[in-house]
Amino acid sequence: MEWISFFERQPKHGQPIFYYGQPIGVWVGRYEYRPNDPVSPHIMISEGGIVDRMDAPWWMPCEEHMWKPEKPATDYPADYPS
């Protein structure tokens, strides 16, 4: 599977995903869309805590029994806001 930029496409609400951010590495968690959140409507929840798409701009679908993927080739997607 390929890494997907959060700024190109978002997972479905509640979908299990792998996500990656340069300061945090690769994690597995669940995506939640919370449109009324005052900080960010796009968050990932895992055992490691909660991050948003600015912390983890890459994601890919996670299916049962999948191995944890290697990090993406670049730390930030080309469409990451500057």
C-alpha atoms as a PDB file:
ATOM      1  CA  MET A   1       0.000   0.000   0.000  1.00  0.00           C
ATOM      2  CA  GLU A   2       1.002   3.589  -0.560  1.00  0.00           C
ATOM      3  CA  TRP A   3       1.095   6.443   1.937  1.00  0.00           C
ATOM      4  CA  ILE A   4      -1.621   9.063   1.342  1.00  0.00           C
ATOM      5  CA  SER A   5      -1.362  12.751   2.175  1.00  0.00           C
ATOM      6  CA  PHE A   6      -4.013  13.930   4.671  1.00  0.00           C
ATOM      7  CA  PHE A   7      -4.227  17.099   2.596  1.00  0.00           C
ATOM      8  CA  GLU A   8      -5.153  15.129  -0.528  1.00  0.00           C
ATOM      9  CA  ARG A   9      -7.698  12.720   0.989  1.00  0.00           C
ATOM     10  CA  GLN A  10      -8.963  11.775   4.444  1.00  0.00           C
ATOM     11  CA  PRO A  11      -9.915   8.364   5.814  1.00  0.00           C
ATOM     12  CA  LYS A  12     -13.489   7.599   6.813  1.00  0.00           C
ATOM     13  CA  HIS A  13     -14.571   8.557  10.330  1.00  0.00           C
ATOM     14  CA  GLY A  14     -13.674   5.681  12.674  1.00  0.00           C
ATOM     15  CA  GLN A  15     -11.440   3.936  10.131  1.00  0.00           C
ATOM     16  CA  PRO A  16      -8.371   2.083  11.477  1.00  0.00           C
ATOM     17  CA  ILE A  17      -5.245   3.553   9.900  1.00  0.00           C
ATOM     18  CA  PHE A  18      -1.478   3.677  10.026  1.00  0.00           C
ATOM     19  CA  TYR A  19      -0.230   7.227  10.303  1.00  0.00           C
ATOM     20  CA  TYR A  20       3.186   8.852  10.166  1.00  0.00           C
ATOM     21  CA  GLY A  21       4.724  12.098  11.297  1.00  0.00           C
ATOM     22  CA  GLN A  22       8.430  12.906  11.381  1.00  0.00           C
ATOM     23  CA  PRO A  23       8.562  13.633  15.121  1.00  0.00           C
ATOM     24  CA  ILE A  24       6.415  10.632  16.152  1.00  0.00           C
ATOM     25  CA  GLY A  25       7.160   7.827  13.661  1.00  0.00           C
ATOM     26  CA  VAL A  26       4.669   5.221  12.385  1.00  0.00           C
ATOM     27  CA  TRP A  27       1.646   4.412  14.552  1.00  0.00           C
ATOM     28  CA  VAL A  28      -1.581   2.463  14.186  1.00  0.00           C
ATOM     29  CA  GLY A  29      -4.770   4.072  15.414  1.00  0.00           C
ATOM     30  CA  ARG A  30      -8.206   5.298  14.466  1.00  0.00           C
ATOM     31  CA  TYR A  31      -9.141   8.420  12.492  1.00  0.00           C
ATOM     32  CA  GLU A  32     -11.883  10.673  13.802  1.00  0.00           C
ATOM     33  CA  TYR A  33     -13.447  13.674  12.146  1.00  0.00           C
ATOM     34  CA  ARG A  34     -14.667  16.169  14.748  1.00  0.00           C
ATOM     35  CA  PRO A  35     -15.919  19.257  12.889  1.00  0.00           C
ATOM     36  CA  ASN A  36     -16.580  21.218  16.101  1.00  0.00           C
ATOM     37  CA  ASP A  37     -13.124  20.657  17.620  1.00  0.00           C
ATOM     38  CA  PRO A  38     -11.602  24.109  18.272  1.00  0.00           C
ATOM     39  CA  VAL A  39      -8.041  22.959  17.467  1.00  0.00           C
ATOM     40  CA  SER A  40      -8.340  20.495  14.574  1.00  0.00           C
ATOM     41  CA  PRO A  41     -11.216  18.466  13.129  1.00  0.00           C
ATOM     42  CA  HIS A  42      -8.834  15.765  11.812  1.00  0.00           C
ATOM     43  CA  ILE A  43      -7.387  13.620  14.610  1.00  0.00           C
ATOM     44  CA  MET A  44      -5.844  10.197  15.080  1.00  0.00           C
ATOM     45  CA  ILE A  45      -6.273   8.300  18.320  1.00  0.00           C
ATOM     46  CA  SER A  46      -3.977   5.472  19.441  1.00  0.00           C
ATOM     47  CA  GLU A  47      -2.384   3.975  22.547  1.00  0.00           C
ATOM     48  CA  GLY A  48       0.318   6.621  22.108  1.00  0.00           C
ATOM     49  CA  GLY A  49      -2.125   9.500  22.429  1.00  0.00           C
ATOM     50  CA  ILE A  50      -3.912  11.902  20.117  1.00  0.00           C
ATOM     51  CA  VAL A  51      -2.371  13.792  17.188  1.00  0.00           C
ATOM     52  CA  ASP A  52      -3.771  15.810  14.303  1.00  0.00           C
ATOM     53  CA  ARG A  53      -2.923  15.860  10.607  1.00  0.00           C
ATOM     54  CA  MET A  54      -0.286  18.561  11.090  1.00  0.00           C
ATOM     55  CA  ASP A  55       1.619  16.188  13.406  1.00  0.00           C
ATOM     56  CA  ALA A  56       1.028  13.168  11.171  1.00  0.00           C
ATOM     57  CA  PRO A  57       0.445  14.258   7.553  1.00  0.00           C
ATOM     58  CA  TRP A  58       0.649  10.740   6.057  1.00  0.00           C
ATOM     59  CA  TRP A  59      -1.811   7.845   6.449  1.00  0.00           C
ATOM     60  CA  MET A  60      -2.757   4.500   4.921  1.00  0.00           C
ATOM     61  CA  PRO A  61      -5.600   2.060   5.558  1.00  0.00           C
ATOM     62  CA  CYS A  62      -4.934  -0.566   8.213  1.00  0.00           C
ATOM     63  CA  GLU A  63      -6.531  -3.957   7.908  1.00  0.00           C
ATOM     64  CA  GLU A  64      -6.445  -6.755  10.449  1.00  0.00           C
ATOM     65  CA  HIS A  65      -3.168  -8.703  10.573  1.00  0.00           C
ATOM     66  CA  MET A  66      -1.223  -6.113   8.523  1.00  0.00           C
ATOM     67  CA  TRP A  67       2.423  -5.514   9.330  1.00  0.00           C
ATOM     68  CA  LYS A  68       3.461  -2.046  10.407  1.00  0.00           C
ATOM     69  CA  PRO A  69       4.744  -0.339   7.238  1.00  0.00           C
ATOM     70  CA  GLU A  70       8.041   1.456   6.746  1.00  0.00           C
ATOM     71  CA  LYS A  71       7.887   5.240   6.972  1.00  0.00           C
ATOM     72  CA  PRO A  72       7.160   7.161   3.754  1.00  0.00           C
ATOM     73  CA  ALA A  73       9.995   8.215   1.444  1.00  0.00           C
ATOM     74  CA  THR A  74       9.593  11.872   2.503  1.00  0.00           C
ATOM     75  CA  ASP A  75       8.705  13.256   5.925  1.00  0.00           C
ATOM     76  CA  TYR A  76       6.162  15.734   4.544  1.00  0.00           C
ATOM     77  CA  PRO A  77       3.916  15.488   1.475  1.00  0.00           C
ATOM     78  CA  ALA A  78       4.324  18.067  -1.283  1.00  0.00           C
ATOM     79  CA  ASP A  79       0.923  19.573  -0.392  1.00  0.00           C
ATOM     80  CA  TYR A  80       1.801  20.077   3.309  1.00  0.00           C
ATOM     81  CA  PRO A  81       0.878  23.669   4.235  1.00  0.00           C
ATOM     82  CA  SER A  82       3.860  25.936   4.788  1.00  0.00           C
END
